[in-house]
Amino acid sequence: MEKIYTPQEVADRLQIKKATVYELIKRGELKATKIGRQIRVSQEQLDVYLKGSTGQDISTTVEESLPPVTDIPRFTAVSGGQQTDYLLNTSGLIISSQESRVVELLRSHLSKNQGNLPILHSYMNDYNSLYSLYYEKTHLALTCFFSQEKEETGKQIKNLMPGKEIAVLSVCRLSWGFYVKKGNPLKFRSIHDLIRPEIRFLNRELGSGLRMCLDSSLLEEKIKRTAIRGYENDCLSHMSAANAVASGAADISIGDISLLASYPQLESIPFAHAYLNFVFLKSDLEHPAFQSIYHGVNSEEFKSGLLHFEGYDIKSTGNLSI
């Protein structure tokens, strides 16, 4: 009988992180089979991946100098029914977001000052985070959208939450950029260079604020998506994007420039500024748990923590818009 592996067993055999296995499956590089709610990889599927498209063993190409991809989902998104049950039966909070580091920073602060307030992080892109909040499957959404001005971001969020009265708590302004190899060997300058045939691009997930901004910019500049090599390939996180460029799996990707502190082999080409905000229902504003979030974001400890991330501007941190 053919050997069947779990994602963890595949990770152990390849000496990589389990999260990296999920990323390989997501990108279609490693074939897998879903059995009920479980993912399994057969020996044949693993052999095909190891041989690669060139027929050579690629199991030794992992660059150990690269940081492990740790900011793709740490938490498995539970079903809507389970989330609803959690909402009804716990004093804790569910935060949906792709921004793991900021969630962890807030969690760390609250654990020291509000020890009885558990936080569950449900990893979702920006669009799905607001969608879950709209259907009240989550308590807060931490979203990141492009805008020239903070007020414009609030309008974007409200347009995605029709008929809902919401409160928007500003976290920070940050910078997005195109990830390139150190020294920019391909002389990448702007979004227009994405159509150069020699450039392999790794996109971001549909529903992420970054993807929305990129697609809007392509439309505005009348750049055809079909002309971009790799446009249809996407990844789930800033770290996955940086890791792909650093490892040579892609030439260009896009993400939060602060991630490059962990990647000395990369630099960034400016793309856009974005605003990171907590979004929740206005009716919850006076609840003690949400007051804890408000005071946590306004604390000097939290603000100082944000300044460790390159490009994070905290001038508007803690401002509340209703």
C-alpha atoms as a PDB file:
ATOM      1  CA  MET A   1       0.000   0.000   0.000  1.00  0.00           C
ATOM      2  CA  GLU A   2       1.308   3.462  -0.944  1.00  0.00           C
ATOM      3  CA  LYS A   3       2.586   5.572   1.941  1.00  0.00           C
ATOM      4  CA  ILE A   4       0.368   8.555   2.877  1.00  0.00           C
ATOM      5  CA  TYR A   5       1.775  11.534   4.781  1.00  0.00           C
ATOM      6  CA  THR A   6       0.285  14.305   6.889  1.00  0.00           C
ATOM      7  CA  PRO A   7       1.577  17.873   6.270  1.00  0.00           C
ATOM      8  CA  GLN A   8       3.659  17.590   9.451  1.00  0.00           C
ATOM      9  CA  GLU A   9       5.247  14.351   8.237  1.00  0.00           C
ATOM     10  CA  VAL A  10       6.065  15.981   4.898  1.00  0.00           C
ATOM     11  CA  ALA A  11       7.619  18.905   6.774  1.00  0.00           C
ATOM     12  CA  ASP A  12       9.720  16.493   8.861  1.00  0.00           C
ATOM     13  CA  ARG A  13      10.941  14.628   5.763  1.00  0.00           C
ATOM     14  CA  LEU A  14      11.892  17.838   3.926  1.00  0.00           C
ATOM     15  CA  GLN A  15      13.229  19.517   7.092  1.00  0.00           C
ATOM     16  CA  ILE A  16      11.035  22.566   6.595  1.00  0.00           C
ATOM     17  CA  LYS A  17       8.223  24.208   8.556  1.00  0.00           C
ATOM     18  CA  LYS A  18       4.710  22.780   8.331  1.00  0.00           C
ATOM     19  CA  ALA A  19       3.518  26.253   7.303  1.00  0.00           C
ATOM     20  CA  THR A  20       5.849  26.047   4.297  1.00  0.00           C
ATOM     21  CA  VAL A  21       4.211  22.765   3.273  1.00  0.00           C
ATOM     22  CA  TYR A  22       0.803  24.468   3.264  1.00  0.00           C
ATOM     23  CA  GLU A  23       2.257  27.298   1.207  1.00  0.00           C
ATOM     24  CA  LEU A  24       3.648  24.817  -1.357  1.00  0.00           C
ATOM     25  CA  ILE A  25       0.221  23.183  -1.591  1.00  0.00           C
ATOM     26  CA  LYS A  26      -1.470  26.584  -1.904  1.00  0.00           C
ATOM     27  CA  ARG A  27       0.806  27.523  -4.830  1.00  0.00           C
ATOM     28  CA  GLY A  28       0.225  24.161  -6.510  1.00  0.00           C
ATOM     29  CA  GLU A  29       3.882  23.170  -6.330  1.00  0.00           C
ATOM     30  CA  LEU A  30       3.095  20.197  -4.107  1.00  0.00           C
ATOM     31  CA  LYS A  31       0.008  18.198  -5.013  1.00  0.00           C
ATOM     32  CA  ALA A  32      -2.169  16.982  -2.155  1.00  0.00           C
ATOM     33  CA  THR A  33      -5.497  15.298  -1.527  1.00  0.00           C
ATOM     34  CA  LYS A  34      -8.238  16.548   0.782  1.00  0.00           C
ATOM     35  CA  ILE A  35      -9.948  13.757   2.710  1.00  0.00           C
ATOM     36  CA  GLY A  36     -12.887  15.243   4.566  1.00  0.00           C
ATOM     37  CA  ARG A  37     -11.291  18.205   6.379  1.00  0.00           C
ATOM     38  CA  GLN A  38      -7.813  16.698   6.395  1.00  0.00           C
ATOM     39  CA  ILE A  39      -4.993  17.157   3.871  1.00  0.00           C
ATOM     40  CA  ARG A  40      -2.838  14.190   2.907  1.00  0.00           C
ATOM     41  CA  VAL A  41       0.128  13.802   0.540  1.00  0.00           C
ATOM     42  CA  SER A  42       0.854  10.494  -1.146  1.00  0.00           C
ATOM     43  CA  GLN A  43       4.343   9.108  -1.751  1.00  0.00           C
ATOM     44  CA  GLU A  44       3.825   9.580  -5.483  1.00  0.00           C
ATOM     45  CA  GLN A  45       2.826  13.242  -5.019  1.00  0.00           C
ATOM     46  CA  LEU A  46       5.865  13.830  -2.815  1.00  0.00           C
ATOM     47  CA  ASP A  47       8.170  12.127  -5.334  1.00  0.00           C
ATOM     48  CA  VAL A  48       6.831  14.339  -8.134  1.00  0.00           C
ATOM     49  CA  TYR A  49       7.569  17.451  -6.081  1.00  0.00           C
ATOM     50  CA  LEU A  50      11.075  16.264  -5.159  1.00  0.00           C
ATOM     51  CA  LYS A  51      11.937  15.507  -8.775  1.00  0.00           C
ATOM     52  CA  GLY A  52      10.559  18.837  -9.955  1.00  0.00           C
ATOM     53  CA  SER A  53       9.794  19.803 -13.513  1.00  0.00           C
ATOM     54  CA  THR A  54      13.389  19.283 -14.634  1.00  0.00           C
ATOM     55  CA  GLY A  55      13.590  15.724 -13.394  1.00  0.00           C
ATOM     56  CA  GLN A  56      16.245  16.654 -10.828  1.00  0.00           C
ATOM     57  CA  ASP A  57      15.994  16.228  -7.077  1.00  0.00           C
ATOM     58  CA  ILE A  58      15.210  19.665  -5.621  1.00  0.00           C
ATOM     59  CA  SER A  59      15.065  18.616  -1.987  1.00  0.00           C
ATOM     60  CA  THR A  60      18.495  20.143  -1.398  1.00  0.00           C
ATOM     61  CA  THR A  61      17.657  23.592  -2.792  1.00  0.00           C
ATOM     62  CA  VAL A  62      16.159  24.959   0.422  1.00  0.00           C
ATOM     63  CA  GLU A  63      18.231  27.943   1.518  1.00  0.00           C
ATOM     64  CA  GLU A  64      18.841  27.477   5.222  1.00  0.00           C
ATOM     65  CA  SER A  65      19.903  31.131   5.517  1.00  0.00           C
ATOM     66  CA  LEU A  66      16.362  32.315   4.872  1.00  0.00           C
ATOM     67  CA  PRO A  67      14.045  33.003   7.813  1.00  0.00           C
ATOM     68  CA  PRO A  68      11.301  30.413   8.255  1.00  0.00           C
ATOM     69  CA  VAL A  69       7.918  31.517   6.949  1.00  0.00           C
ATOM     70  CA  THR A  70       6.111  32.056  10.231  1.00  0.00           C
ATOM     71  CA  ASP A  71       3.410  34.617   9.498  1.00  0.00           C
ATOM     72  CA  ILE A  72       1.181  32.507   7.280  1.00  0.00           C
ATOM     73  CA  PRO A  73      -1.770  31.032   9.181  1.00  0.00           C
ATOM     74  CA  ARG A  74      -0.892  30.053  12.731  1.00  0.00           C
ATOM     75  CA  PHE A  75      -4.554  29.504  13.459  1.00  0.00           C
ATOM     76  CA  THR A  76      -6.883  27.365  11.409  1.00  0.00           C
ATOM     77  CA  ALA A  77     -10.020  29.333  10.612  1.00  0.00           C
ATOM     78  CA  VAL A  78     -12.917  27.643  12.338  1.00  0.00           C
ATOM     79  CA  SER A  79     -16.311  27.308  10.708  1.00  0.00           C
ATOM     80  CA  GLY A  80     -18.902  30.059  10.954  1.00  0.00           C
ATOM     81  CA  GLY A  81     -20.986  27.951  13.302  1.00  0.00           C
ATOM     82  CA  GLN A  82     -18.083  27.370  15.649  1.00  0.00           C
ATOM     83  CA  GLN A  83     -17.228  31.059  15.619  1.00  0.00           C
ATOM     84  CA  THR A  84     -20.812  31.980  16.427  1.00  0.00           C
ATOM     85  CA  ASP A  85     -20.728  29.557  19.344  1.00  0.00           C
ATOM     86  CA  TYR A  86     -17.494  31.155  20.547  1.00  0.00           C
ATOM     87  CA  LEU A  87     -19.033  34.615  20.298  1.00  0.00           C
ATOM     88  CA  LEU A  88     -21.975  33.561  22.446  1.00  0.00           C
ATOM     89  CA  ASN A  89     -20.084  31.612  25.064  1.00  0.00           C
ATOM     90  CA  THR A  90     -16.805  33.366  25.783  1.00  0.00           C
ATOM     91  CA  SER A  91     -15.579  36.623  27.286  1.00  0.00           C
ATOM     92  CA  GLY A  92     -12.663  36.620  24.809  1.00  0.00           C
ATOM     93  CA  LEU A  93     -12.355  38.308  21.433  1.00  0.00           C
ATOM     94  CA  ILE A  94     -11.913  36.964  17.905  1.00  0.00           C
ATOM     95  CA  ILE A  95      -9.750  39.210  15.724  1.00  0.00           C
ATOM     96  CA  SER A  96      -9.673  38.412  12.010  1.00  0.00           C
ATOM     97  CA  SER A  97      -6.643  39.690  10.110  1.00  0.00           C
ATOM     98  CA  GLN A  98      -3.562  38.883   8.047  1.00  0.00           C
ATOM     99  CA  GLU A  99      -1.422  41.170  10.194  1.00  0.00           C
ATOM    100  CA  SER A 100      -0.097  38.595  12.663  1.00  0.00           C
ATOM    101  CA  ARG A 101       2.639  40.734  14.189  1.00  0.00           C
ATOM    102  CA  VAL A 102       0.306  43.580  15.212  1.00  0.00           C
ATOM    103  CA  VAL A 103      -2.213  41.111  16.652  1.00  0.00           C
ATOM    104  CA  GLU A 104       0.588  39.476  18.659  1.00  0.00           C
ATOM    105  CA  LEU A 105       1.846  42.867  19.830  1.00  0.00           C
ATOM    106  CA  LEU A 106      -1.612  43.788  21.119  1.00  0.00           C
ATOM    107  CA  ARG A 107      -2.116  40.337  22.623  1.00  0.00           C
ATOM    108  CA  SER A 108       1.178  40.658  24.489  1.00  0.00           C
ATOM    109  CA  HIS A 109       0.224  44.062  25.861  1.00  0.00           C
ATOM    110  CA  LEU A 110      -3.247  42.945  26.947  1.00  0.00           C
ATOM    111  CA  SER A 111      -1.939  39.772  28.579  1.00  0.00           C
ATOM    112  CA  LYS A 112       0.122  41.912  30.928  1.00  0.00           C
ATOM    113  CA  ASN A 113      -2.573  44.500  31.608  1.00  0.00           C
ATOM    114  CA  GLN A 114      -5.830  42.607  30.951  1.00  0.00           C
ATOM    115  CA  GLY A 115      -4.900  39.032  31.809  1.00  0.00           C
ATOM    116  CA  ASN A 116      -8.499  37.823  31.756  1.00  0.00           C
ATOM    117  CA  LEU A 117      -9.159  38.865  28.135  1.00  0.00           C
ATOM    118  CA  PRO A 118      -8.278  35.963  25.796  1.00  0.00           C
ATOM    119  CA  ILE A 119      -7.801  36.761  22.115  1.00  0.00           C
ATOM    120  CA  LEU A 120      -8.249  34.319  19.254  1.00  0.00           C
ATOM    121  CA  HIS A 121      -6.615  35.281  15.952  1.00  0.00           C
ATOM    122  CA  SER A 122      -8.511  34.048  12.884  1.00  0.00           C
ATOM    123  CA  TYR A 123      -6.202  34.444   9.891  1.00  0.00           C
ATOM    124  CA  MET A 124      -8.166  36.030   7.016  1.00  0.00           C
ATOM    125  CA  ASN A 125      -7.437  38.547   4.282  1.00  0.00           C
ATOM    126  CA  ASP A 126      -8.794  42.075   4.538  1.00  0.00           C
ATOM    127  CA  TYR A 127     -11.944  41.526   2.480  1.00  0.00           C
ATOM    128  CA  ASN A 128     -12.884  38.311   4.279  1.00  0.00           C
ATOM    129  CA  SER A 129     -12.164  39.912   7.659  1.00  0.00           C
ATOM    130  CA  LEU A 130     -14.765  42.599   6.984  1.00  0.00           C
ATOM    131  CA  TYR A 131     -17.120  40.002   5.506  1.00  0.00           C
ATOM    132  CA  SER A 132     -16.912  38.003   8.751  1.00  0.00           C
ATOM    133  CA  LEU A 133     -17.517  41.128  10.816  1.00  0.00           C
ATOM    134  CA  TYR A 134     -20.497  42.025   8.615  1.00  0.00           C
ATOM    135  CA  TYR A 135     -22.081  38.643   9.411  1.00  0.00           C
ATOM    136  CA  GLU A 136     -20.976  38.954  13.055  1.00  0.00           C
ATOM    137  CA  LYS A 137     -18.788  35.865  12.923  1.00  0.00           C
ATOM    138  CA  THR A 138     -15.905  37.814  14.459  1.00  0.00           C
ATOM    139  CA  HIS A 139     -15.575  40.661  16.963  1.00  0.00           C
ATOM    140  CA  LEU A 140     -12.959  42.823  15.270  1.00  0.00           C
ATOM    141  CA  ALA A 141     -11.327  43.061  11.864  1.00  0.00           C
ATOM    142  CA  LEU A 142      -7.775  44.386  11.560  1.00  0.00           C
ATOM    143  CA  THR A 143      -7.537  45.603   7.973  1.00  0.00           C
ATOM    144  CA  CYS A 144      -4.978  47.345   5.796  1.00  0.00           C
ATOM    145  CA  PHE A 145      -6.144  49.408   2.808  1.00  0.00           C
ATOM    146  CA  PHE A 146      -4.458  51.876   0.483  1.00  0.00           C
ATOM    147  CA  SER A 147      -5.443  55.515   0.638  1.00  0.00           C
ATOM    148  CA  GLN A 148      -3.861  58.926   0.217  1.00  0.00           C
ATOM    149  CA  GLU A 149      -5.662  60.118   3.346  1.00  0.00           C
ATOM    150  CA  LYS A 150      -6.868  58.316   6.483  1.00  0.00           C
ATOM    151  CA  GLU A 151     -10.438  59.574   5.923  1.00  0.00           C
ATOM    152  CA  GLU A 152     -10.561  57.869   2.504  1.00  0.00           C
ATOM    153  CA  THR A 153      -9.722  54.542   4.131  1.00  0.00           C
ATOM    154  CA  GLY A 154     -12.707  54.935   6.459  1.00  0.00           C
ATOM    155  CA  LYS A 155     -14.966  55.465   3.451  1.00  0.00           C
ATOM    156  CA  GLN A 156     -13.579  52.341   1.763  1.00  0.00           C
ATOM    157  CA  ILE A 157     -14.268  50.265   4.861  1.00  0.00           C
ATOM    158  CA  LYS A 158     -17.816  51.623   5.227  1.00  0.00           C
ATOM    159  CA  ASN A 159     -18.522  50.810   1.563  1.00  0.00           C
ATOM    160  CA  LEU A 160     -17.665  47.184   2.339  1.00  0.00           C
ATOM    161  CA  MET A 161     -19.973  47.209   5.405  1.00  0.00           C
ATOM    162  CA  PRO A 162     -23.277  48.493   3.933  1.00  0.00           C
ATOM    163  CA  GLY A 163     -26.014  49.188   6.459  1.00  0.00           C
ATOM    164  CA  LYS A 164     -23.702  48.646   9.448  1.00  0.00           C
ATOM    165  CA  GLU A 165     -22.761  51.294  11.965  1.00  0.00           C
ATOM    166  CA  ILE A 166     -19.055  50.774  12.581  1.00  0.00           C
ATOM    167  CA  ALA A 167     -16.189  52.271  14.547  1.00  0.00           C
ATOM    168  CA  VAL A 168     -12.692  52.520  13.064  1.00  0.00           C
ATOM    169  CA  LEU A 169      -9.700  52.628  15.409  1.00  0.00           C
ATOM    170  CA  SER A 170      -6.501  53.792  13.716  1.00  0.00           C
ATOM    171  CA  VAL A 171      -3.392  51.674  14.302  1.00  0.00           C
ATOM    172  CA  CYS A 172      -0.793  53.204  11.990  1.00  0.00           C
ATOM    173  CA  ARG A 173       0.231  54.253   8.508  1.00  0.00           C
ATOM    174  CA  LEU A 174       2.681  51.919   6.782  1.00  0.00           C
ATOM    175  CA  SER A 175       4.544  51.534   3.498  1.00  0.00           C
ATOM    176  CA  TRP A 176       4.131  48.918   0.789  1.00  0.00           C
ATOM    177  CA  GLY A 177       6.848  48.223  -1.732  1.00  0.00           C
ATOM    178  CA  PHE A 178       7.980  45.810  -4.424  1.00  0.00           C
ATOM    179  CA  TYR A 179      10.489  43.273  -3.092  1.00  0.00           C
ATOM    180  CA  VAL A 180      13.629  42.952  -5.253  1.00  0.00           C
ATOM    181  CA  LYS A 181      17.059  41.377  -4.804  1.00  0.00           C
ATOM    182  CA  LYS A 182      19.723  43.568  -3.183  1.00  0.00           C
ATOM    183  CA  GLY A 183      21.165  45.959  -5.718  1.00  0.00           C
ATOM    184  CA  ASN A 184      18.063  45.623  -7.895  1.00  0.00           C
ATOM    185  CA  PRO A 185      19.830  43.568 -10.614  1.00  0.00           C
ATOM    186  CA  LEU A 186      16.794  43.662 -12.927  1.00  0.00           C
ATOM    187  CA  LYS A 187      16.576  47.476 -12.658  1.00  0.00           C
ATOM    188  CA  PHE A 188      12.916  47.307 -11.628  1.00  0.00           C
ATOM    189  CA  ARG A 189      11.564  50.847 -11.248  1.00  0.00           C
ATOM    190  CA  SER A 190       7.769  50.862 -11.228  1.00  0.00           C
ATOM    191  CA  ILE A 191       4.550  48.950 -11.819  1.00  0.00           C
ATOM    192  CA  HIS A 192       5.103  49.337 -15.578  1.00  0.00           C
ATOM    193  CA  ASP A 193       8.131  47.018 -15.392  1.00  0.00           C
ATOM    194  CA  LEU A 194       5.897  44.112 -14.352  1.00  0.00           C
ATOM    195  CA  ILE A 195       5.125  43.423 -18.021  1.00  0.00           C
ATOM    196  CA  ARG A 196       8.771  42.849 -18.932  1.00  0.00           C
ATOM    197  CA  PRO A 197       8.912  39.229 -20.150  1.00  0.00           C
ATOM    198  CA  GLU A 198      12.024  38.312 -18.145  1.00  0.00           C
ATOM    199  CA  ILE A 199      10.435  39.285 -14.800  1.00  0.00           C
ATOM    200  CA  ARG A 200       8.705  36.556 -12.762  1.00  0.00           C
ATOM    201  CA  PHE A 201       6.135  38.123 -10.459  1.00  0.00           C
ATOM    202  CA  LEU A 202       4.526  36.597  -7.360  1.00  0.00           C
ATOM    203  CA  ASN A 203       1.168  38.215  -6.624  1.00  0.00           C
ATOM    204  CA  ARG A 204      -0.773  38.567  -3.379  1.00  0.00           C
ATOM    205  CA  GLU A 205      -3.975  36.777  -2.451  1.00  0.00           C
ATOM    206  CA  LEU A 206      -7.326  37.941  -3.832  1.00  0.00           C
ATOM    207  CA  GLY A 207      -9.110  39.869  -1.099  1.00  0.00           C
ATOM    208  CA  SER A 208      -5.976  41.339   0.467  1.00  0.00           C
ATOM    209  CA  GLY A 209      -5.741  45.122   0.588  1.00  0.00           C
ATOM    210  CA  LEU A 210      -2.466  44.922  -1.305  1.00  0.00           C
ATOM    211  CA  ARG A 211      -4.039  42.946  -4.165  1.00  0.00           C
ATOM    212  CA  MET A 212      -6.938  45.409  -4.377  1.00  0.00           C
ATOM    213  CA  CYS A 213      -4.511  48.323  -4.552  1.00  0.00           C
ATOM    214  CA  LEU A 214      -2.361  46.610  -7.193  1.00  0.00           C
ATOM    215  CA  ASP A 215      -5.342  45.690  -9.365  1.00  0.00           C
ATOM    216  CA  SER A 216      -6.709  49.230  -9.128  1.00  0.00           C
ATOM    217  CA  SER A 217      -3.315  50.638 -10.118  1.00  0.00           C
ATOM    218  CA  LEU A 218      -3.041  48.264 -13.083  1.00  0.00           C
ATOM    219  CA  LEU A 219      -6.497  49.330 -14.252  1.00  0.00           C
ATOM    220  CA  GLU A 220      -5.685  53.011 -13.816  1.00  0.00           C
ATOM    221  CA  GLU A 221      -2.410  52.660 -15.740  1.00  0.00           C
ATOM    222  CA  LYS A 222      -4.095  50.493 -18.398  1.00  0.00           C
ATOM    223  CA  ILE A 223      -1.672  47.618 -17.837  1.00  0.00           C
ATOM    224  CA  LYS A 224      -3.034  44.246 -18.894  1.00  0.00           C
ATOM    225  CA  ARG A 225      -2.854  41.620 -16.174  1.00  0.00           C
ATOM    226  CA  THR A 226      -2.369  38.913 -18.792  1.00  0.00           C
ATOM    227  CA  ALA A 227       0.899  40.607 -19.796  1.00  0.00           C
ATOM    228  CA  ILE A 228       2.389  40.042 -16.332  1.00  0.00           C
ATOM    229  CA  ARG A 229       4.320  36.782 -16.006  1.00  0.00           C
ATOM    230  CA  GLY A 230       3.145  35.095 -12.806  1.00  0.00           C
ATOM    231  CA  TYR A 231       0.205  37.400 -12.111  1.00  0.00           C
ATOM    232  CA  GLU A 232      -2.023  34.358 -11.484  1.00  0.00           C
ATOM    233  CA  ASN A 233       0.350  32.991  -8.817  1.00  0.00           C
ATOM    234  CA  ASP A 234      -0.226  34.348  -5.332  1.00  0.00           C
ATOM    235  CA  CYS A 235       0.925  33.968  -1.737  1.00  0.00           C
ATOM    236  CA  LEU A 236      -0.724  34.523   1.623  1.00  0.00           C
ATOM    237  CA  SER A 237       1.612  36.842   3.499  1.00  0.00           C
ATOM    238  CA  HIS A 238       4.352  39.442   3.370  1.00  0.00           C
ATOM    239  CA  MET A 239       6.873  36.911   4.641  1.00  0.00           C
ATOM    240  CA  SER A 240       5.897  34.353   1.996  1.00  0.00           C
ATOM    241  CA  ALA A 241       6.378  37.028  -0.661  1.00  0.00           C
ATOM    242  CA  ALA A 242       9.795  38.060   0.672  1.00  0.00           C
ATOM    243  CA  ASN A 243      10.888  34.460   1.068  1.00  0.00           C
ATOM    244  CA  ALA A 244       9.994  33.694  -2.559  1.00  0.00           C
ATOM    245  CA  VAL A 245      12.138  36.528  -3.900  1.00  0.00           C
ATOM    246  CA  ALA A 246      15.035  35.813  -1.536  1.00  0.00           C
ATOM    247  CA  SER A 247      15.047  32.124  -2.507  1.00  0.00           C
ATOM    248  CA  GLY A 248      14.862  32.826  -6.245  1.00  0.00           C
ATOM    249  CA  ALA A 249      11.380  31.366  -6.701  1.00  0.00           C
ATOM    250  CA  ALA A 250      10.275  34.793  -8.001  1.00  0.00           C
ATOM    251  CA  ASP A 251      12.035  37.957  -9.162  1.00  0.00           C
ATOM    252  CA  ILE A 252       9.536  40.473  -7.825  1.00  0.00           C
ATOM    253  CA  SER A 253       6.790  40.406  -5.229  1.00  0.00           C
ATOM    254  CA  ILE A 254       5.076  42.993  -3.094  1.00  0.00           C
ATOM    255  CA  GLY A 255       4.456  43.595   0.599  1.00  0.00           C
ATOM    256  CA  ASP A 256       5.092  45.547   3.790  1.00  0.00           C
ATOM    257  CA  ILE A 257       8.624  46.963   3.640  1.00  0.00           C
ATOM    258  CA  SER A 258       9.139  46.386   7.368  1.00  0.00           C
ATOM    259  CA  LEU A 259       9.470  42.640   6.709  1.00  0.00           C
ATOM    260  CA  LEU A 260      12.745  43.256   4.903  1.00  0.00           C
ATOM    261  CA  ALA A 261      14.523  43.727   8.220  1.00  0.00           C
ATOM    262  CA  SER A 262      14.698  39.921   8.252  1.00  0.00           C
ATOM    263  CA  TYR A 263      15.933  39.733   4.641  1.00  0.00           C
ATOM    264  CA  PRO A 264      19.308  41.478   4.139  1.00  0.00           C
ATOM    265  CA  GLN A 265      19.415  39.993   0.621  1.00  0.00           C
ATOM    266  CA  LEU A 266      16.413  42.140  -0.416  1.00  0.00           C
ATOM    267  CA  GLU A 267      15.453  45.788  -0.827  1.00  0.00           C
ATOM    268  CA  SER A 268      12.214  47.513  -1.788  1.00  0.00           C
ATOM    269  CA  ILE A 269      10.940  49.825  -4.509  1.00  0.00           C
ATOM    270  CA  PRO A 270       8.226  52.183  -3.174  1.00  0.00           C
ATOM    271  CA  PHE A 271       4.654  51.396  -4.227  1.00  0.00           C
ATOM    272  CA  ALA A 272       2.042  52.924  -1.896  1.00  0.00           C
ATOM    273  CA  HIS A 273       1.126  53.881   1.655  1.00  0.00           C
ATOM    274  CA  ALA A 274      -1.681  52.150   3.522  1.00  0.00           C
ATOM    275  CA  TYR A 275      -3.609  52.565   6.767  1.00  0.00           C
ATOM    276  CA  LEU A 276      -3.961  49.771   9.310  1.00  0.00           C
ATOM    277  CA  ASN A 277      -7.202  49.934  11.336  1.00  0.00           C
ATOM    278  CA  PHE A 278      -9.226  47.946  13.822  1.00  0.00           C
ATOM    279  CA  VAL A 279     -12.864  47.826  12.717  1.00  0.00           C
ATOM    280  CA  PHE A 280     -15.756  46.805  14.980  1.00  0.00           C
ATOM    281  CA  LEU A 281     -19.463  47.439  15.375  1.00  0.00           C
ATOM    282  CA  LYS A 282     -20.409  50.762  16.934  1.00  0.00           C
ATOM    283  CA  SER A 283     -22.841  48.977  19.259  1.00  0.00           C
ATOM    284  CA  ASP A 284     -19.880  47.229  20.921  1.00  0.00           C
ATOM    285  CA  LEU A 285     -17.952  50.398  21.615  1.00  0.00           C
ATOM    286  CA  GLU A 286     -18.846  50.673  25.312  1.00  0.00           C
ATOM    287  CA  HIS A 287     -18.254  46.989  26.059  1.00  0.00           C
ATOM    288  CA  PRO A 288     -15.363  46.538  28.540  1.00  0.00           C
ATOM    289  CA  ALA A 289     -13.477  44.238  26.166  1.00  0.00           C
ATOM    290  CA  PHE A 290     -13.504  46.834  23.383  1.00  0.00           C
ATOM    291  CA  GLN A 291     -12.536  49.553  25.822  1.00  0.00           C
ATOM    292  CA  SER A 292      -9.511  47.390  26.661  1.00  0.00           C
ATOM    293  CA  ILE A 293      -8.611  47.281  22.973  1.00  0.00           C
ATOM    294  CA  TYR A 294      -9.026  51.058  22.689  1.00  0.00           C
ATOM    295  CA  HIS A 295      -6.836  51.785  25.704  1.00  0.00           C
ATOM    296  CA  GLY A 296      -4.317  49.151  24.593  1.00  0.00           C
ATOM    297  CA  VAL A 297      -3.866  50.748  21.164  1.00  0.00           C
ATOM    298  CA  ASN A 298      -3.515  54.180  22.821  1.00  0.00           C
ATOM    299  CA  SER A 299      -0.892  52.957  25.282  1.00  0.00           C
ATOM    300  CA  GLU A 300       2.706  54.162  24.945  1.00  0.00           C
ATOM    301  CA  GLU A 301       3.891  50.552  25.178  1.00  0.00           C
ATOM    302  CA  PHE A 302       1.872  49.512  22.116  1.00  0.00           C
ATOM    303  CA  LYS A 303       2.903  52.601  20.146  1.00  0.00           C
ATOM    304  CA  SER A 304       6.562  52.017  20.974  1.00  0.00           C
ATOM    305  CA  GLY A 305       6.193  48.432  19.802  1.00  0.00           C
ATOM    306  CA  LEU A 306       4.882  49.616  16.429  1.00  0.00           C
ATOM    307  CA  LEU A 307       7.953  51.791  15.945  1.00  0.00           C
ATOM    308  CA  HIS A 308      10.111  48.662  15.797  1.00  0.00           C
ATOM    309  CA  PHE A 309       8.601  48.021  12.363  1.00  0.00           C
ATOM    310  CA  GLU A 310      10.309  50.101   9.681  1.00  0.00           C
ATOM    311  CA  GLY A 311       8.040  52.577   7.940  1.00  0.00           C
ATOM    312  CA  TYR A 312       5.274  52.521  10.576  1.00  0.00           C
ATOM    313  CA  ASP A 313       3.936  56.022  11.285  1.00  0.00           C
ATOM    314  CA  ILE A 314       2.034  56.400  14.583  1.00  0.00           C
ATOM    315  CA  LYS A 315       0.843  60.013  14.250  1.00  0.00           C
ATOM    316  CA  SER A 316      -2.794  58.850  14.029  1.00  0.00           C
ATOM    317  CA  THR A 317      -2.499  55.789  16.283  1.00  0.00           C
ATOM    318  CA  GLY A 318      -5.447  55.530  18.669  1.00  0.00           C
ATOM    319  CA  ASN A 319      -7.732  57.929  16.792  1.00  0.00           C
ATOM    320  CA  LEU A 320     -11.321  56.693  16.753  1.00  0.00           C
ATOM    321  CA  SER A 321     -13.738  57.431  13.905  1.00  0.00           C
ATOM    322  CA  ILE A 322     -17.447  56.636  14.201  1.00  0.00           C
END
